[in-house]
């Protein structure tokens, strides 16, 4: 009696990068940004081609070395748009959200930029107005 045995190719171990193998399997990805800084200009409302409104603002956050970083931010929800549009240049604000990369087409080709999509925000200090 001859035994016919089906053969299967050997199973190759999955390749795992050194960085990934150092991470515990119980990790959860996170995209959380928290900033406190000063508005560089009054926020503006833009209407997109889709008809959606978004409030755009730029926040300047000083570094310890005397320089500063500026971050483009956007408020998409109606409540955040209503709140942030009342802020003014020089106000100190605290916000949190996620880092997003936006893509669009221009006459010269594709373009993109990074921005903070705001999920919560509050004004900490109102700027002195003259």
C-alpha atoms as a PDB file:
ATOM      1  CA  UNK A   1       0.000   0.000   0.000  1.00  0.00           C
ATOM      2  CA  UNK A   2       1.501   3.257  -1.061  1.00  0.00           C
ATOM      3  CA  UNK A   3       0.842   6.340   0.948  1.00  0.00           C
ATOM      4  CA  UNK A   4       0.094   9.447  -1.002  1.00  0.00           C
ATOM      5  CA  UNK A   5       0.869  12.400   1.155  1.00  0.00           C
ATOM      6  CA  UNK A   6       0.049  15.950   0.182  1.00  0.00           C
ATOM      7  CA  UNK A   7       2.940  18.242   0.680  1.00  0.00           C
ATOM      8  CA  UNK A   8       2.615  21.875   1.539  1.00  0.00           C
ATOM      9  CA  UNK A   9       5.331  24.414   1.111  1.00  0.00           C
ATOM     10  CA  UNK A  10       7.157  25.277   4.305  1.00  0.00           C
ATOM     11  CA  UNK A  11       5.705  28.186   6.233  1.00  0.00           C
ATOM     12  CA  UNK A  12       8.069  31.107   6.307  1.00  0.00           C
ATOM     13  CA  UNK A  13       8.165  33.133   9.471  1.00  0.00           C
ATOM     14  CA  UNK A  14       6.748  36.606   9.109  1.00  0.00           C
ATOM     15  CA  UNK A  15       9.354  39.310   8.862  1.00  0.00           C
ATOM     16  CA  UNK A  16       9.120  41.669  11.780  1.00  0.00           C
ATOM     17  CA  UNK A  17      11.071  44.884  11.855  1.00  0.00           C
ATOM     18  CA  UNK A  18      13.399  45.467  14.770  1.00  0.00           C
ATOM     19  CA  UNK A  19      11.337  48.487  15.830  1.00  0.00           C
ATOM     20  CA  UNK A  20       8.056  46.559  15.731  1.00  0.00           C
ATOM     21  CA  UNK A  21       9.464  43.553  17.581  1.00  0.00           C
ATOM     22  CA  UNK A  22      10.490  45.876  20.407  1.00  0.00           C
ATOM     23  CA  UNK A  23       6.882  47.031  20.876  1.00  0.00           C
ATOM     24  CA  UNK A  24       4.536  45.041  23.053  1.00  0.00           C
ATOM     25  CA  UNK A  25       1.567  43.513  21.223  1.00  0.00           C
ATOM     26  CA  UNK A  26      -0.812  45.409  23.528  1.00  0.00           C
ATOM     27  CA  UNK A  27       0.018  48.881  22.184  1.00  0.00           C
ATOM     28  CA  UNK A  28      -2.637  51.121  20.709  1.00  0.00           C
ATOM     29  CA  UNK A  29      -1.885  53.689  18.026  1.00  0.00           C
ATOM     30  CA  UNK A  30      -2.482  57.317  19.007  1.00  0.00           C
ATOM     31  CA  UNK A  31      -2.530  60.619  17.157  1.00  0.00           C
ATOM     32  CA  UNK A  32      -2.987  63.190  19.892  1.00  0.00           C
ATOM     33  CA  UNK A  33      -1.583  66.716  19.818  1.00  0.00           C
ATOM     34  CA  UNK A  34      -1.925  69.230  22.671  1.00  0.00           C
ATOM     35  CA  UNK A  35      -0.758  72.823  22.205  1.00  0.00           C
ATOM     36  CA  UNK A  36      -0.906  76.076  24.129  1.00  0.00           C
ATOM     37  CA  UNK A  37       0.150  79.182  22.291  1.00  0.00           C
ATOM     38  CA  UNK A  38      -0.750  82.578  20.896  1.00  0.00           C
ATOM     39  CA  UNK A  39      -2.848  83.225  17.776  1.00  0.00           C
ATOM     40  CA  UNK A  40      -0.778  84.908  15.067  1.00  0.00           C
ATOM     41  CA  UNK A  41      -3.871  86.394  13.368  1.00  0.00           C
ATOM     42  CA  UNK A  42      -7.643  86.400  13.684  1.00  0.00           C
ATOM     43  CA  UNK A  43      -9.183  83.052  12.671  1.00  0.00           C
ATOM     44  CA  UNK A  44     -10.908  82.958   9.278  1.00  0.00           C
ATOM     45  CA  UNK A  45     -13.844  80.968   7.956  1.00  0.00           C
ATOM     46  CA  UNK A  46     -13.344  79.292   4.592  1.00  0.00           C
ATOM     47  CA  UNK A  47     -16.009  77.615   2.502  1.00  0.00           C
ATOM     48  CA  UNK A  48     -14.620  74.615   0.668  1.00  0.00           C
ATOM     49  CA  UNK A  49     -15.685  73.541  -2.848  1.00  0.00           C
ATOM     50  CA  UNK A  50     -17.732  70.809  -1.130  1.00  0.00           C
ATOM     51  CA  UNK A  51     -19.768  73.517   0.631  1.00  0.00           C
ATOM     52  CA  UNK A  52     -18.359  72.655   4.065  1.00  0.00           C
ATOM     53  CA  UNK A  53     -17.189  75.494   6.283  1.00  0.00           C
ATOM     54  CA  UNK A  54     -13.962  75.303   8.256  1.00  0.00           C
ATOM     55  CA  UNK A  55     -12.323  77.815  10.575  1.00  0.00           C
ATOM     56  CA  UNK A  56      -8.575  78.090  10.028  1.00  0.00           C
ATOM     57  CA  UNK A  57      -6.143  79.577  12.496  1.00  0.00           C
ATOM     58  CA  UNK A  58      -2.431  79.607  13.205  1.00  0.00           C
ATOM     59  CA  UNK A  59      -1.007  79.162  16.689  1.00  0.00           C
ATOM     60  CA  UNK A  60       2.555  80.170  17.616  1.00  0.00           C
ATOM     61  CA  UNK A  61       4.227  78.150  20.363  1.00  0.00           C
ATOM     62  CA  UNK A  62       7.539  79.412  21.805  1.00  0.00           C
ATOM     63  CA  UNK A  63      10.444  77.015  22.320  1.00  0.00           C
ATOM     64  CA  UNK A  64      12.864  77.081  25.246  1.00  0.00           C
ATOM     65  CA  UNK A  65      15.685  78.318  22.991  1.00  0.00           C
ATOM     66  CA  UNK A  66      13.982  81.620  22.101  1.00  0.00           C
ATOM     67  CA  UNK A  67      12.662  80.457  18.726  1.00  0.00           C
ATOM     68  CA  UNK A  68       9.054  79.467  18.060  1.00  0.00           C
ATOM     69  CA  UNK A  69       7.007  77.072  15.960  1.00  0.00           C
ATOM     70  CA  UNK A  70       3.767  77.888  14.181  1.00  0.00           C
ATOM     71  CA  UNK A  71       1.024  75.372  13.539  1.00  0.00           C
ATOM     72  CA  UNK A  72      -1.895  75.579  11.134  1.00  0.00           C
ATOM     73  CA  UNK A  73      -5.099  74.398  12.801  1.00  0.00           C
ATOM     74  CA  UNK A  74      -8.640  73.772  11.611  1.00  0.00           C
ATOM     75  CA  UNK A  75     -11.994  73.596  13.372  1.00  0.00           C
ATOM     76  CA  UNK A  76     -14.564  71.501  11.523  1.00  0.00           C
ATOM     77  CA  UNK A  77     -17.435  70.938  13.971  1.00  0.00           C
ATOM     78  CA  UNK A  78     -20.093  73.648  14.232  1.00  0.00           C
ATOM     79  CA  UNK A  79     -19.463  74.131  17.971  1.00  0.00           C
ATOM     80  CA  UNK A  80     -15.702  74.543  17.529  1.00  0.00           C
ATOM     81  CA  UNK A  81     -16.197  76.873  14.550  1.00  0.00           C
ATOM     82  CA  UNK A  82     -18.541  79.104  16.597  1.00  0.00           C
ATOM     83  CA  UNK A  83     -16.115  79.178  19.525  1.00  0.00           C
ATOM     84  CA  UNK A  84     -12.846  79.724  17.639  1.00  0.00           C
ATOM     85  CA  UNK A  85     -14.137  82.407  15.245  1.00  0.00           C
ATOM     86  CA  UNK A  86     -14.626  84.714  18.281  1.00  0.00           C
ATOM     87  CA  UNK A  87     -10.917  84.609  19.142  1.00  0.00           C
ATOM     88  CA  UNK A  88      -8.503  87.355  18.086  1.00  0.00           C
ATOM     89  CA  UNK A  89      -4.849  87.807  17.229  1.00  0.00           C
ATOM     90  CA  UNK A  90      -2.748  87.615  20.397  1.00  0.00           C
ATOM     91  CA  UNK A  91      -5.208  85.473  22.385  1.00  0.00           C
ATOM     92  CA  UNK A  92      -3.575  82.552  24.174  1.00  0.00           C
ATOM     93  CA  UNK A  93      -5.447  79.349  23.388  1.00  0.00           C
ATOM     94  CA  UNK A  94      -5.197  75.751  24.469  1.00  0.00           C
ATOM     95  CA  UNK A  95      -6.249  73.114  21.988  1.00  0.00           C
ATOM     96  CA  UNK A  96      -5.981  69.436  21.312  1.00  0.00           C
ATOM     97  CA  UNK A  97      -6.632  67.314  18.281  1.00  0.00           C
ATOM     98  CA  UNK A  98      -4.967  65.111  15.726  1.00  0.00           C
ATOM     99  CA  UNK A  99      -2.260  65.732  13.163  1.00  0.00           C
ATOM    100  CA  UNK A 100      -3.650  65.477   9.619  1.00  0.00           C
ATOM    101  CA  UNK A 101      -2.134  65.767   6.176  1.00  0.00           C
ATOM    102  CA  UNK A 102      -4.442  67.431   3.660  1.00  0.00           C
ATOM    103  CA  UNK A 103      -4.107  66.821  -0.081  1.00  0.00           C
ATOM    104  CA  UNK A 104      -5.554  68.824  -2.966  1.00  0.00           C
ATOM    105  CA  UNK A 105      -4.849  69.608  -6.604  1.00  0.00           C
ATOM    106  CA  UNK A 106      -3.545  72.902  -7.886  1.00  0.00           C
ATOM    107  CA  UNK A 107      -2.941  74.221 -11.377  1.00  0.00           C
ATOM    108  CA  UNK A 108       0.682  73.080 -11.062  1.00  0.00           C
ATOM    109  CA  UNK A 109      -0.100  69.643  -9.624  1.00  0.00           C
ATOM    110  CA  UNK A 110      -0.831  67.966  -6.298  1.00  0.00           C
ATOM    111  CA  UNK A 111      -0.168  69.796  -3.039  1.00  0.00           C
ATOM    112  CA  UNK A 112      -0.360  68.929   0.645  1.00  0.00           C
ATOM    113  CA  UNK A 113       0.190  70.369   4.091  1.00  0.00           C
ATOM    114  CA  UNK A 114       0.090  69.248   7.707  1.00  0.00           C
ATOM    115  CA  UNK A 115      -2.390  70.753  10.156  1.00  0.00           C
ATOM    116  CA  UNK A 116      -3.916  70.110  13.556  1.00  0.00           C
ATOM    117  CA  UNK A 117      -7.570  69.092  13.311  1.00  0.00           C
ATOM    118  CA  UNK A 118      -8.986  70.530  16.539  1.00  0.00           C
ATOM    119  CA  UNK A 119     -11.140  68.289  18.730  1.00  0.00           C
ATOM    120  CA  UNK A 120     -11.256  70.541  21.820  1.00  0.00           C
ATOM    121  CA  UNK A 121     -10.217  74.117  22.443  1.00  0.00           C
ATOM    122  CA  UNK A 122     -10.487  77.012  24.864  1.00  0.00           C
ATOM    123  CA  UNK A 123      -9.187  80.543  25.179  1.00  0.00           C
ATOM    124  CA  UNK A 124      -6.831  80.809  28.165  1.00  0.00           C
ATOM    125  CA  UNK A 125      -5.962  84.528  28.035  1.00  0.00           C
ATOM    126  CA  UNK A 126      -7.685  87.255  26.059  1.00  0.00           C
ATOM    127  CA  UNK A 127      -5.252  89.574  24.227  1.00  0.00           C
ATOM    128  CA  UNK A 128      -5.033  93.194  25.367  1.00  0.00           C
ATOM    129  CA  UNK A 129      -6.923  95.323  22.871  1.00  0.00           C
ATOM    130  CA  UNK A 130      -6.175  98.995  22.370  1.00  0.00           C
END
